[in-house]
Amino acid sequence: MAGYSVADYEVYADGATAPTAVVTNDWWTMTGLASGSTHSFAIDYVLTDSSRSPLSAPASGTTWSGLTWGGIPFEWMEQFYGSDLTKWPSATAALSPGGPTLLYVFLSGGSPLQPSTWLKMQLQQTSQGLFLSWNPQPGLIYQVQASANNMTAWTNLGAPRFAAGNVDSIYVGTGSHGYYRVLRLQ
């Protein structure tokens, strides 16, 4: 909502007439949903002058069934590999030599059949300093984290980032190196 002074966002779940949640950022997670259940969501926002947007059209989603293949939901595996479990690759197997595992591709929001969607990060030194860039999947939300102690403890670097496109980057300092990772939140 660049250019607007948003006081909060109101989230309406499953046709509720009163907000299910009121949040001050542009992401929210609902917990306690039953496996295999379908839910709808709509949002509006309230500006600091109390102006209110119209309620959005509802969007819906269905939770995973709860069955997993090495931590990957069965529905996701079936989408890419069909229903014959004997043809499913291992969740911990690299998809290509030196490439990510199937589980990592699932967790990062990519497609196991399209290497261009596999999350790749790169540090780039510019005249303005060091930037971390990556290839997010549009519509997903990512969190950049940094570690100052050999990757044993991580801290968030900035706020969660909504992927409006398939390229993103963040300034990470003036040094020439560091430990960074990008996590998909949703």
Foldseek 3Di string as FASTA:
>chain_A
DPPFAWPWKFKPKAPDPHGPDIGRDDDDDDDDDAAFDKMKMWMWTAGPVRDIDDIGDIDMDTHANPDDQQNHGPVLQCVQQNDPPVRGDHQCDALDVVHHGVVQCVQQVHRSVDPVARWDWDWDQDPVAIKIKIFHDAQWKKWKWFDPPPPPDIDTDDDIDHHNGGMDMDHDGHDDDGDMDMGTPD
